Amino acid sequence: MADPYFFGYGSLVNAATHDFSDPRPARLKGWRRAWRHTDLREVAFLTAIPDPQTEIEGMIAHVPGGDWDKLDEREWAYDRVPATDSVTHFVKHEIEIAVYAVPAHRHQPPSRAYPILLSYLDVVVQGYLREFGREGAERFFTTTDGWDAPILNDRAAPRYPRHQKLRAEETGFVDDRLAAIGARIVEGA
């Protein structure tokens, strides 16, 4: 029987946000990331959307005991989608991989009413910087859609429940990339 693993492409790349064992770099072919919102949450969040021309980096990690309940609870706004055949990884034994994605009919582009939280983006980019270096973090930006959405600067009072403290160079990288793509930062708490 194959061991259950998940493919994380957002905050799950940042090992400081979870305690799943054996996280390893991997690539998911045929998908890209997008900032979206649903009526299930007050802010925009990342989802994976099918795109046959794109491959994204992320992390796979083992689901302890095959118990998906803890991860399903964390990722409650998503559907768990089988992805084993689309993931390139270096695990030597047989594994079964799932990716979490919001079905297309349930999400919409972000808006001022549903902004991207800077505290959430910081966590995601911190994970990419640590796991894939600057080049990997750059690829995160280029393989993610929805950068025209407003980004709520909540760093002073983070709203993202798993926010992390960034080092100055990590914050600088995020701010530089957002400036380079012309992101619209809105102030708020």
N, C-alpha and C. Protein backbone atom coordinates (compact mmCIF):
# COMPACT_ATOMS: atom_id res chain seq x y z
N MET A 1 0.84 -1.18 0.00
CA MET A 1 0.00 0.00 0.00
C MET A 1 0.89 1.25 0.00
N ALA A 2 0.53 2.23 -0.80
CA ALA A 2 1.31 3.45 -0.92
C ALA A 2 1.14 4.34 0.30
N ASP A 3 2.23 4.99 0.72
CA ASP A 3 2.16 5.95 1.82
C ASP A 3 1.50 7.24 1.33
N PRO A 4 0.61 7.84 2.12
CA PRO A 4 -0.05 9.09 1.72
C PRO A 4 0.85 10.31 1.96
N TYR A 5 0.95 11.15 0.95
CA TYR A 5 1.69 12.41 1.01
C TYR A 5 0.81 13.52 0.44
N PHE A 6 1.10 14.76 0.82
CA PHE A 6 0.44 15.90 0.21
C PHE A 6 1.48 16.75 -0.49
N PHE A 7 1.04 17.49 -1.51
CA PHE A 7 1.89 18.46 -2.18
C PHE A 7 1.44 19.84 -1.74
N GLY A 8 2.33 20.59 -1.08
CA GLY A 8 2.03 21.94 -0.64
C GLY A 8 2.70 22.95 -1.55
N TYR A 9 1.99 23.99 -1.92
CA TYR A 9 2.50 24.99 -2.86
C TYR A 9 2.35 26.41 -2.33
N GLY A 10 1.90 26.56 -1.10
CA GLY A 10 1.72 27.88 -0.48
C GLY A 10 2.34 27.87 0.90
N SER A 11 1.53 28.08 1.93
CA SER A 11 2.06 28.14 3.29
C SER A 11 2.63 26.80 3.74
N LEU A 12 2.19 25.69 3.15
CA LEU A 12 2.73 24.38 3.54
C LEU A 12 4.18 24.20 3.10
N VAL A 13 4.69 25.08 2.23
CA VAL A 13 6.11 25.04 1.87
C VAL A 13 6.95 25.48 3.07
N ASN A 14 6.38 26.30 3.91
CA ASN A 14 7.08 26.82 5.08
C ASN A 14 6.93 25.83 6.24
N ALA A 15 7.97 25.08 6.52
CA ALA A 15 7.93 24.04 7.55
C ALA A 15 7.60 24.59 8.94
N ALA A 16 7.79 25.88 9.16
CA ALA A 16 7.47 26.46 10.46
C ALA A 16 5.96 26.54 10.70
N THR A 17 5.15 26.29 9.67
CA THR A 17 3.69 26.39 9.82
C THR A 17 3.01 25.06 10.07
N HIS A 18 3.78 23.97 10.13
CA HIS A 18 3.17 22.66 10.33
C HIS A 18 4.18 21.70 10.97
N ASP A 19 3.68 20.54 11.36
CA ASP A 19 4.57 19.54 11.94
C ASP A 19 4.52 18.23 11.16
N PHE A 20 4.21 18.30 9.88
CA PHE A 20 4.20 17.10 9.05
C PHE A 20 5.63 16.63 8.82
N SER A 21 5.81 15.32 8.88
CA SER A 21 7.17 14.77 8.84
C SER A 21 7.68 14.60 7.42
N ASP A 22 8.99 14.59 7.32
CA ASP A 22 9.70 14.26 6.10
C ASP A 22 9.35 15.17 4.91
N PRO A 23 9.30 16.49 5.10
CA PRO A 23 9.02 17.35 3.94
C PRO A 23 10.19 17.32 2.96
N ARG A 24 9.87 17.26 1.67
CA ARG A 24 10.89 17.20 0.62
C ARG A 24 10.45 18.04 -0.57
N PRO A 25 11.41 18.66 -1.25
CA PRO A 25 11.08 19.43 -2.45
C PRO A 25 10.49 18.52 -3.53
N ALA A 26 9.57 19.08 -4.31
CA ALA A 26 8.93 18.35 -5.40
C ALA A 26 8.42 19.35 -6.43
N ARG A 27 7.98 18.83 -7.56
CA ARG A 27 7.43 19.67 -8.63
C ARG A 27 6.09 19.09 -9.09
N LEU A 28 5.12 19.96 -9.31
CA LEU A 28 3.78 19.56 -9.76
C LEU A 28 3.57 20.07 -11.18
N LYS A 29 3.44 19.16 -12.12
CA LYS A 29 3.27 19.52 -13.52
C LYS A 29 1.79 19.64 -13.88
N GLY A 30 1.48 20.67 -14.70
CA GLY A 30 0.12 20.85 -15.16
C GLY A 30 -0.74 21.73 -14.28
N TRP A 31 -0.11 22.44 -13.36
CA TRP A 31 -0.83 23.33 -12.44
C TRP A 31 -0.03 24.63 -12.26
N ARG A 32 -0.71 25.68 -11.89
CA ARG A 32 -0.09 26.92 -11.45
C ARG A 32 -0.87 27.42 -10.24
N ARG A 33 -0.33 28.40 -9.56
CA ARG A 33 -1.00 28.98 -8.40
C ARG A 33 -1.81 30.20 -8.84
N ALA A 34 -2.84 30.51 -8.06
CA ALA A 34 -3.61 31.73 -8.30
C ALA A 34 -4.17 32.23 -6.97
N TRP A 35 -4.16 33.55 -6.83
CA TRP A 35 -4.82 34.18 -5.69
C TRP A 35 -6.30 34.22 -6.01
N ARG A 36 -7.12 33.68 -5.12
CA ARG A 36 -8.56 33.63 -5.32
C ARG A 36 -9.27 33.87 -4.00
N HIS A 37 -10.59 34.07 -4.10
CA HIS A 37 -11.40 34.14 -2.88
C HIS A 37 -12.67 33.34 -3.10
N THR A 38 -13.24 32.94 -2.00
CA THR A 38 -14.56 32.30 -1.99
C THR A 38 -15.37 32.99 -0.91
N ASP A 39 -16.63 32.64 -0.86
CA ASP A 39 -17.44 33.21 0.23
C ASP A 39 -17.18 32.47 1.55
N LEU A 40 -16.25 31.52 1.55
CA LEU A 40 -15.90 30.78 2.76
C LEU A 40 -14.88 31.51 3.63
N ARG A 41 -14.16 32.47 3.05
CA ARG A 41 -13.13 33.21 3.79
C ARG A 41 -13.23 34.69 3.48
N GLU A 42 -12.74 35.51 4.39
CA GLU A 42 -12.82 36.96 4.23
C GLU A 42 -11.67 37.55 3.44
N VAL A 43 -10.68 36.73 3.11
CA VAL A 43 -9.50 37.20 2.39
C VAL A 43 -9.18 36.26 1.24
N ALA A 44 -8.33 36.72 0.33
CA ALA A 44 -7.89 35.88 -0.77
C ALA A 44 -6.86 34.88 -0.25
N PHE A 45 -6.75 33.76 -0.92
CA PHE A 45 -5.75 32.75 -0.57
C PHE A 45 -5.32 32.06 -1.85
N LEU A 46 -4.27 31.28 -1.73
CA LEU A 46 -3.75 30.58 -2.90
C LEU A 46 -4.54 29.31 -3.17
N THR A 47 -4.72 29.04 -4.45
CA THR A 47 -5.24 27.75 -4.88
C THR A 47 -4.42 27.30 -6.07
N ALA A 48 -4.47 26.04 -6.36
CA ALA A 48 -3.84 25.51 -7.56
C ALA A 48 -4.91 25.42 -8.64
N ILE A 49 -4.55 25.85 -9.84
CA ILE A 49 -5.49 25.76 -10.97
C ILE A 49 -4.80 25.01 -12.11
N PRO A 50 -5.55 24.17 -12.82
CA PRO A 50 -4.93 23.43 -13.91
C PRO A 50 -4.36 24.36 -14.98
N ASP A 51 -3.16 24.05 -15.43
CA ASP A 51 -2.50 24.78 -16.51
C ASP A 51 -1.47 23.84 -17.13
N PRO A 52 -1.79 23.26 -18.29
CA PRO A 52 -0.90 22.24 -18.87
C PRO A 52 0.49 22.76 -19.23
N GLN A 53 0.67 24.07 -19.30
CA GLN A 53 1.96 24.65 -19.69
C GLN A 53 2.87 24.95 -18.51
N THR A 54 2.41 24.74 -17.30
CA THR A 54 3.17 25.20 -16.13
C THR A 54 3.52 24.04 -15.21
N GLU A 55 4.64 24.21 -14.51
CA GLU A 55 5.07 23.31 -13.47
C GLU A 55 5.47 24.18 -12.28
N ILE A 56 4.99 23.82 -11.10
CA ILE A 56 5.30 24.61 -9.91
C ILE A 56 6.09 23.77 -8.91
N GLU A 57 6.92 24.48 -8.15
CA GLU A 57 7.67 23.85 -7.07
C GLU A 57 6.86 23.92 -5.80
N GLY A 58 7.11 22.96 -4.95
CA GLY A 58 6.47 22.92 -3.65
C GLY A 58 7.12 21.84 -2.81
N MET A 59 6.45 21.46 -1.77
CA MET A 59 6.98 20.44 -0.87
C MET A 59 5.95 19.33 -0.74
N ILE A 60 6.46 18.09 -0.69
CA ILE A 60 5.61 16.98 -0.31
C ILE A 60 5.98 16.59 1.11
N ALA A 61 5.00 16.08 1.83
CA ALA A 61 5.26 15.59 3.18
C ALA A 61 4.30 14.45 3.47
N HIS A 62 4.74 13.58 4.35
CA HIS A 62 3.98 12.40 4.72
C HIS A 62 2.79 12.79 5.59
N VAL A 63 1.67 12.13 5.35
CA VAL A 63 0.49 12.30 6.20
C VAL A 63 0.54 11.18 7.24
N PRO A 64 0.86 11.50 8.50
CA PRO A 64 1.08 10.47 9.51
C PRO A 64 -0.10 9.51 9.66
N GLY A 65 0.22 8.23 9.61
CA GLY A 65 -0.80 7.20 9.82
C GLY A 65 -1.90 7.19 8.77
N GLY A 66 -1.71 7.89 7.68
CA GLY A 66 -2.75 7.95 6.65
C GLY A 66 -3.98 8.71 7.09
N ASP A 67 -3.87 9.46 8.19
CA ASP A 67 -5.00 10.20 8.74
C ASP A 67 -5.02 11.61 8.14
N TRP A 68 -5.91 11.80 7.20
CA TRP A 68 -6.01 13.08 6.49
C TRP A 68 -6.81 14.12 7.29
N ASP A 69 -7.44 13.73 8.39
CA ASP A 69 -8.35 14.64 9.10
C ASP A 69 -7.69 15.95 9.52
N LYS A 70 -6.49 15.89 10.08
CA LYS A 70 -5.82 17.10 10.55
C LYS A 70 -5.52 18.05 9.38
N LEU A 71 -5.02 17.49 8.29
CA LEU A 71 -4.72 18.32 7.13
C LEU A 71 -6.00 18.82 6.46
N ASP A 72 -7.00 17.95 6.35
CA ASP A 72 -8.29 18.38 5.78
C ASP A 72 -8.89 19.52 6.60
N GLU A 73 -8.72 19.47 7.91
CA GLU A 73 -9.24 20.55 8.76
C GLU A 73 -8.50 21.86 8.48
N ARG A 74 -7.18 21.78 8.35
CA ARG A 74 -6.40 22.98 8.05
C ARG A 74 -6.77 23.54 6.67
N GLU A 75 -7.01 22.67 5.72
CA GLU A 75 -7.28 23.06 4.33
C GLU A 75 -8.77 22.95 3.99
N TRP A 76 -9.61 23.30 4.93
CA TRP A 76 -11.05 23.06 4.84
C TRP A 76 -11.74 23.74 3.66
N ALA A 77 -11.20 24.77 3.09
CA ALA A 77 -11.85 25.46 1.96
C ALA A 77 -11.51 24.80 0.62
N TYR A 78 -10.68 23.77 0.65
CA TYR A 78 -10.20 23.13 -0.58
C TYR A 78 -10.76 21.72 -0.72
N ASP A 79 -10.68 21.20 -1.94
CA ASP A 79 -10.90 19.78 -2.19
C ASP A 79 -9.53 19.11 -2.27
N ARG A 80 -9.45 17.89 -1.80
CA ARG A 80 -8.22 17.11 -1.94
C ARG A 80 -8.29 16.38 -3.28
N VAL A 81 -7.28 16.62 -4.14
CA VAL A 81 -7.29 16.11 -5.51
C VAL A 81 -6.10 15.15 -5.70
N PRO A 82 -6.33 13.95 -6.22
CA PRO A 82 -5.21 13.04 -6.48
C PRO A 82 -4.22 13.67 -7.48
N ALA A 83 -2.91 13.54 -7.19
CA ALA A 83 -1.90 14.18 -8.05
C ALA A 83 -0.65 13.34 -8.22
N THR A 84 -0.68 12.09 -7.83
CA THR A 84 0.53 11.25 -7.83
C THR A 84 1.26 11.29 -9.16
N ASP A 85 0.55 11.12 -10.25
CA ASP A 85 1.19 11.04 -11.57
C ASP A 85 1.72 12.38 -12.07
N SER A 86 1.36 13.47 -11.43
CA SER A 86 1.80 14.80 -11.85
C SER A 86 2.96 15.35 -11.04
N VAL A 87 3.40 14.61 -10.02
CA VAL A 87 4.43 15.12 -9.11
C VAL A 87 5.76 14.40 -9.35
N THR A 88 6.82 15.20 -9.51
CA THR A 88 8.18 14.69 -9.59
C THR A 88 8.81 14.86 -8.21
N HIS A 89 9.39 13.79 -7.69
CA HIS A 89 9.97 13.82 -6.34
C HIS A 89 11.08 12.79 -6.26
N PHE A 90 11.76 12.75 -5.13
CA PHE A 90 12.87 11.84 -4.94
C PHE A 90 12.64 10.83 -3.82
N VAL A 91 11.40 10.58 -3.47
CA VAL A 91 11.09 9.56 -2.48
C VAL A 91 11.25 8.21 -3.16
N LYS A 92 11.94 7.28 -2.50
CA LYS A 92 12.28 6.00 -3.12
C LYS A 92 11.19 4.94 -3.01
N HIS A 93 10.32 5.04 -2.03
CA HIS A 93 9.27 4.03 -1.89
C HIS A 93 7.97 4.54 -2.53
N GLU A 94 6.98 3.65 -2.64
CA GLU A 94 5.72 4.00 -3.29
C GLU A 94 4.91 4.96 -2.41
N ILE A 95 4.50 6.07 -3.01
CA ILE A 95 3.67 7.04 -2.30
C ILE A 95 2.49 7.45 -3.18
N GLU A 96 1.46 7.91 -2.50
CA GLU A 96 0.28 8.45 -3.17
C GLU A 96 0.18 9.92 -2.74
N ILE A 97 0.07 10.81 -3.72
CA ILE A 97 0.14 12.25 -3.43
C ILE A 97 -1.18 12.93 -3.79
N ALA A 98 -1.60 13.84 -2.93
CA ALA A 98 -2.78 14.67 -3.18
C ALA A 98 -2.37 16.13 -3.12
N VAL A 99 -3.09 16.96 -3.85
CA VAL A 99 -2.92 18.42 -3.81
C VAL A 99 -4.27 19.02 -3.44
N TYR A 100 -4.25 20.10 -2.70
CA TYR A 100 -5.48 20.78 -2.33
C TYR A 100 -5.75 21.92 -3.31
N ALA A 101 -6.98 21.95 -3.84
CA ALA A 101 -7.36 22.98 -4.81
C ALA A 101 -8.84 23.30 -4.63
N VAL A 102 -9.18 24.56 -4.85
CA VAL A 102 -10.58 24.97 -4.80
C VAL A 102 -11.16 24.78 -6.20
N PRO A 103 -12.27 24.06 -6.33
CA PRO A 103 -12.86 23.87 -7.66
C PRO A 103 -13.17 25.21 -8.32
N ALA A 104 -12.99 25.28 -9.63
CA ALA A 104 -13.13 26.54 -10.38
C ALA A 104 -14.47 27.22 -10.16
N HIS A 105 -15.53 26.46 -10.00
CA HIS A 105 -16.86 27.07 -9.84
C HIS A 105 -17.06 27.70 -8.45
N ARG A 106 -16.12 27.47 -7.53
CA ARG A 106 -16.26 28.00 -6.17
C ARG A 106 -15.34 29.17 -5.85
N HIS A 107 -14.52 29.63 -6.80
CA HIS A 107 -13.64 30.76 -6.48
C HIS A 107 -13.70 31.84 -7.54
N GLN A 108 -13.27 33.03 -7.10
CA GLN A 108 -13.25 34.21 -7.97
C GLN A 108 -11.97 34.98 -7.71
N PRO A 109 -11.60 35.87 -8.65
CA PRO A 109 -10.40 36.69 -8.41
C PRO A 109 -10.58 37.53 -7.14
N PRO A 110 -9.48 37.85 -6.45
CA PRO A 110 -9.58 38.68 -5.25
C PRO A 110 -10.07 40.10 -5.61
N SER A 111 -10.52 40.79 -4.60
CA SER A 111 -11.01 42.16 -4.78
C SER A 111 -10.66 42.95 -3.53
N ARG A 112 -11.00 44.22 -3.53
CA ARG A 112 -10.73 45.04 -2.34
C ARG A 112 -11.43 44.45 -1.11
N ALA A 113 -12.59 43.86 -1.32
CA ALA A 113 -13.32 43.24 -0.21
C ALA A 113 -12.65 41.94 0.25
N TYR A 114 -11.85 41.32 -0.63
CA TYR A 114 -11.16 40.05 -0.33
C TYR A 114 -9.68 40.19 -0.71
N PRO A 115 -8.91 40.96 0.04
CA PRO A 115 -7.51 41.20 -0.33
C PRO A 115 -6.61 40.02 0.04
N ILE A 116 -5.40 40.06 -0.48
CA ILE A 116 -4.34 39.14 -0.08
C ILE A 116 -3.76 39.69 1.23
N LEU A 117 -3.57 38.86 2.22
CA LEU A 117 -2.92 39.30 3.46
C LEU A 117 -1.41 39.27 3.27
N LEU A 118 -0.75 40.38 3.55
CA LEU A 118 0.71 40.42 3.44
C LEU A 118 1.35 39.44 4.43
N SER A 119 0.73 39.23 5.59
CA SER A 119 1.28 38.27 6.56
C SER A 119 1.25 36.84 6.01
N TYR A 120 0.27 36.52 5.20
CA TYR A 120 0.18 35.20 4.56
C TYR A 120 1.22 35.11 3.44
N LEU A 121 1.28 36.13 2.60
CA LEU A 121 2.28 36.14 1.52
C LEU A 121 3.69 36.04 2.09
N ASP A 122 3.97 36.76 3.18
CA ASP A 122 5.29 36.69 3.81
C ASP A 122 5.65 35.25 4.19
N VAL A 123 4.71 34.52 4.79
CA VAL A 123 4.96 33.14 5.20
C VAL A 123 5.28 32.27 3.99
N VAL A 124 4.50 32.44 2.92
CA VAL A 124 4.71 31.63 1.72
C VAL A 124 6.09 31.91 1.13
N VAL A 125 6.40 33.18 0.95
CA VAL A 125 7.69 33.54 0.34
C VAL A 125 8.85 33.12 1.23
N GLN A 126 8.71 33.27 2.54
CA GLN A 126 9.74 32.80 3.46
C GLN A 126 10.02 31.32 3.23
N GLY A 127 8.99 30.53 3.07
CA GLY A 127 9.16 29.11 2.79
C GLY A 127 9.90 28.86 1.49
N TYR A 128 9.55 29.59 0.44
CA TYR A 128 10.24 29.42 -0.84
C TYR A 128 11.69 29.86 -0.77
N LEU A 129 11.95 30.94 -0.06
CA LEU A 129 13.34 31.38 0.09
C LEU A 129 14.15 30.32 0.81
N ARG A 130 13.61 29.75 1.84
CA ARG A 130 14.35 28.77 2.64
C ARG A 130 14.53 27.43 1.90
N GLU A 131 13.54 27.02 1.15
CA GLU A 131 13.59 25.72 0.48
C GLU A 131 14.19 25.76 -0.92
N PHE A 132 13.97 26.86 -1.65
CA PHE A 132 14.35 26.92 -3.06
C PHE A 132 15.26 28.11 -3.40
N GLY A 133 15.62 28.90 -2.39
CA GLY A 133 16.50 30.04 -2.62
C GLY A 133 15.79 31.18 -3.35
N ARG A 134 16.56 32.21 -3.66
CA ARG A 134 16.00 33.40 -4.32
C ARG A 134 15.38 33.05 -5.67
N GLU A 135 16.04 32.17 -6.42
CA GLU A 135 15.52 31.81 -7.74
C GLU A 135 14.17 31.10 -7.62
N GLY A 136 14.06 30.22 -6.64
CA GLY A 136 12.79 29.53 -6.42
C GLY A 136 11.70 30.49 -5.98
N ALA A 137 12.05 31.45 -5.14
CA ALA A 137 11.07 32.45 -4.71
C ALA A 137 10.65 33.33 -5.89
N GLU A 138 11.58 33.63 -6.78
CA GLU A 138 11.24 34.37 -8.01
C GLU A 138 10.26 33.55 -8.84
N ARG A 139 10.51 32.24 -8.97
CA ARG A 139 9.61 31.38 -9.74
C ARG A 139 8.23 31.33 -9.09
N PHE A 140 8.16 31.41 -7.76
CA PHE A 140 6.86 31.47 -7.10
C PHE A 140 6.05 32.65 -7.67
N PHE A 141 6.68 33.80 -7.78
CA PHE A 141 5.96 34.98 -8.28
C PHE A 141 5.54 34.80 -9.74
N THR A 142 6.40 34.21 -10.57
CA THR A 142 6.08 34.09 -12.00
C THR A 142 5.10 32.96 -12.31
N THR A 143 4.93 32.02 -11.40
CA THR A 143 3.98 30.93 -11.64
C THR A 143 2.72 31.08 -10.78
N THR A 144 2.45 32.32 -10.38
CA THR A 144 1.26 32.62 -9.59
C THR A 144 0.51 33.76 -10.28
N ASP A 145 -0.79 33.58 -10.46
CA ASP A 145 -1.66 34.60 -11.05
C ASP A 145 -2.36 35.40 -9.96
N GLY A 146 -2.86 36.58 -10.31
CA GLY A 146 -3.68 37.37 -9.41
C GLY A 146 -2.96 38.49 -8.69
N TRP A 147 -1.78 38.87 -9.19
CA TRP A 147 -1.01 39.93 -8.53
C TRP A 147 -1.63 41.31 -8.69
N ASP A 148 -2.70 41.42 -9.47
CA ASP A 148 -3.40 42.70 -9.58
C ASP A 148 -4.34 42.92 -8.38
N ALA A 149 -4.46 41.93 -7.53
CA ALA A 149 -5.31 42.04 -6.34
C ALA A 149 -4.68 42.99 -5.32
N PRO A 150 -5.50 43.65 -4.53
CA PRO A 150 -4.93 44.45 -3.44
C PRO A 150 -4.30 43.57 -2.38
N ILE A 151 -3.21 44.05 -1.81
CA ILE A 151 -2.50 43.32 -0.75
C ILE A 151 -2.60 44.16 0.51
N LEU A 152 -3.25 43.60 1.51
CA LEU A 152 -3.47 44.31 2.77
C LEU A 152 -2.22 44.20 3.64
N ASN A 153 -1.63 45.33 3.96
CA ASN A 153 -0.44 45.35 4.82
C ASN A 153 -0.88 45.18 6.27
N ASP A 154 -0.84 43.94 6.72
CA ASP A 154 -1.22 43.63 8.10
C ASP A 154 -0.01 43.18 8.92
N ARG A 155 1.18 43.56 8.50
CA ARG A 155 2.38 43.13 9.23
C ARG A 155 2.40 43.60 10.68
N ALA A 156 1.91 44.79 10.95
CA ALA A 156 1.94 45.31 12.32
C ALA A 156 1.00 44.52 13.24
N ALA A 157 -0.07 43.99 12.69
CA ALA A 157 -1.04 43.18 13.45
C ALA A 157 -1.48 42.04 12.54
N PRO A 158 -0.66 41.01 12.41
CA PRO A 158 -0.94 39.94 11.44
C PRO A 158 -2.28 39.25 11.67
N ARG A 159 -3.03 39.11 10.59
CA ARG A 159 -4.30 38.40 10.64
C ARG A 159 -4.15 36.93 10.27
N TYR A 160 -3.07 36.58 9.59
CA TYR A 160 -2.86 35.18 9.21
C TYR A 160 -2.49 34.40 10.47
N PRO A 161 -3.23 33.34 10.81
CA PRO A 161 -3.02 32.66 12.09
C PRO A 161 -1.67 31.97 12.24
N ARG A 162 -1.00 31.63 11.15
CA ARG A 162 0.30 30.98 11.24
C ARG A 162 1.42 31.91 10.78
N HIS A 163 1.23 33.21 11.00
CA HIS A 163 2.24 34.18 10.57
C HIS A 163 3.58 33.86 11.25
N GLN A 164 4.65 34.30 10.62
CA GLN A 164 6.00 34.07 11.11
C GLN A 164 6.76 35.39 11.11
N LYS A 165 7.76 35.48 11.93
CA LYS A 165 8.64 36.65 11.91
C LYS A 165 9.66 36.43 10.80
N LEU A 166 9.77 37.40 9.91
CA LEU A 166 10.73 37.33 8.82
C LEU A 166 11.99 38.07 9.19
N ARG A 167 13.12 37.59 8.67
CA ARG A 167 14.37 38.33 8.81
C ARG A 167 14.29 39.53 7.87
N ALA A 168 15.11 40.53 8.12
CA ALA A 168 15.07 41.76 7.33
C ALA A 168 15.27 41.48 5.85
N GLU A 169 16.18 40.57 5.52
CA GLU A 169 16.42 40.27 4.10
C GLU A 169 15.23 39.57 3.45
N GLU A 170 14.46 38.78 4.23
CA GLU A 170 13.26 38.14 3.69
C GLU A 170 12.17 39.18 3.43
N THR A 171 11.96 40.08 4.40
CA THR A 171 10.99 41.15 4.21
C THR A 171 11.38 42.02 3.02
N GLY A 172 12.66 42.34 2.91
CA GLY A 172 13.15 43.14 1.79
C GLY A 172 12.90 42.46 0.46
N PHE A 173 13.11 41.15 0.39
CA PHE A 173 12.85 40.42 -0.85
C PHE A 173 11.38 40.52 -1.24
N VAL A 174 10.49 40.28 -0.28
CA VAL A 174 9.04 40.37 -0.56
C VAL A 174 8.70 41.77 -1.05
N ASP A 175 9.15 42.79 -0.33
CA ASP A 175 8.83 44.17 -0.71
C ASP A 175 9.38 44.53 -2.08
N ASP A 176 10.61 44.10 -2.38
CA ASP A 176 11.21 44.38 -3.69
C ASP A 176 10.44 43.71 -4.81
N ARG A 177 10.05 42.45 -4.61
CA ARG A 177 9.30 41.74 -5.65
C ARG A 177 7.94 42.38 -5.87
N LEU A 178 7.27 42.77 -4.79
CA LEU A 178 5.96 43.41 -4.94
C LEU A 178 6.08 44.73 -5.67
N ALA A 179 7.13 45.48 -5.38
CA ALA A 179 7.35 46.75 -6.09
C ALA A 179 7.64 46.48 -7.57
N ALA A 180 8.42 45.46 -7.86
CA ALA A 180 8.80 45.15 -9.24
C ALA A 180 7.60 44.75 -10.09
N ILE A 181 6.61 44.08 -9.48
CA ILE A 181 5.44 43.68 -10.26
C ILE A 181 4.31 44.71 -10.18
N GLY A 182 4.55 45.81 -9.49
CA GLY A 182 3.56 46.88 -9.40
C GLY A 182 2.37 46.51 -8.54
N ALA A 183 2.59 45.72 -7.52
CA ALA A 183 1.50 45.31 -6.63
C ALA A 183 0.92 46.51 -5.90
N ARG A 184 -0.36 46.44 -5.63
CA ARG A 184 -1.06 47.52 -4.94
C ARG A 184 -1.21 47.16 -3.46
N ILE A 185 -0.43 47.85 -2.61
CA ILE A 185 -0.46 47.62 -1.17
C ILE A 185 -1.46 48.60 -0.56
N VAL A 186 -2.37 48.05 0.25
CA VAL A 186 -3.31 48.90 0.96
C VAL A 186 -3.00 48.78 2.45
N GLU A 187 -3.07 49.88 3.14
CA GLU A 187 -2.76 49.89 4.57
C GLU A 187 -3.98 49.48 5.36
N GLY A 188 -3.73 48.82 6.46
CA GLY A 188 -4.82 48.40 7.33
C GLY A 188 -4.30 47.46 8.38
N ALA A 189 -5.18 47.06 9.25
CA ALA A 189 -4.80 46.14 10.33
C ALA A 189 -5.32 44.77 10.06
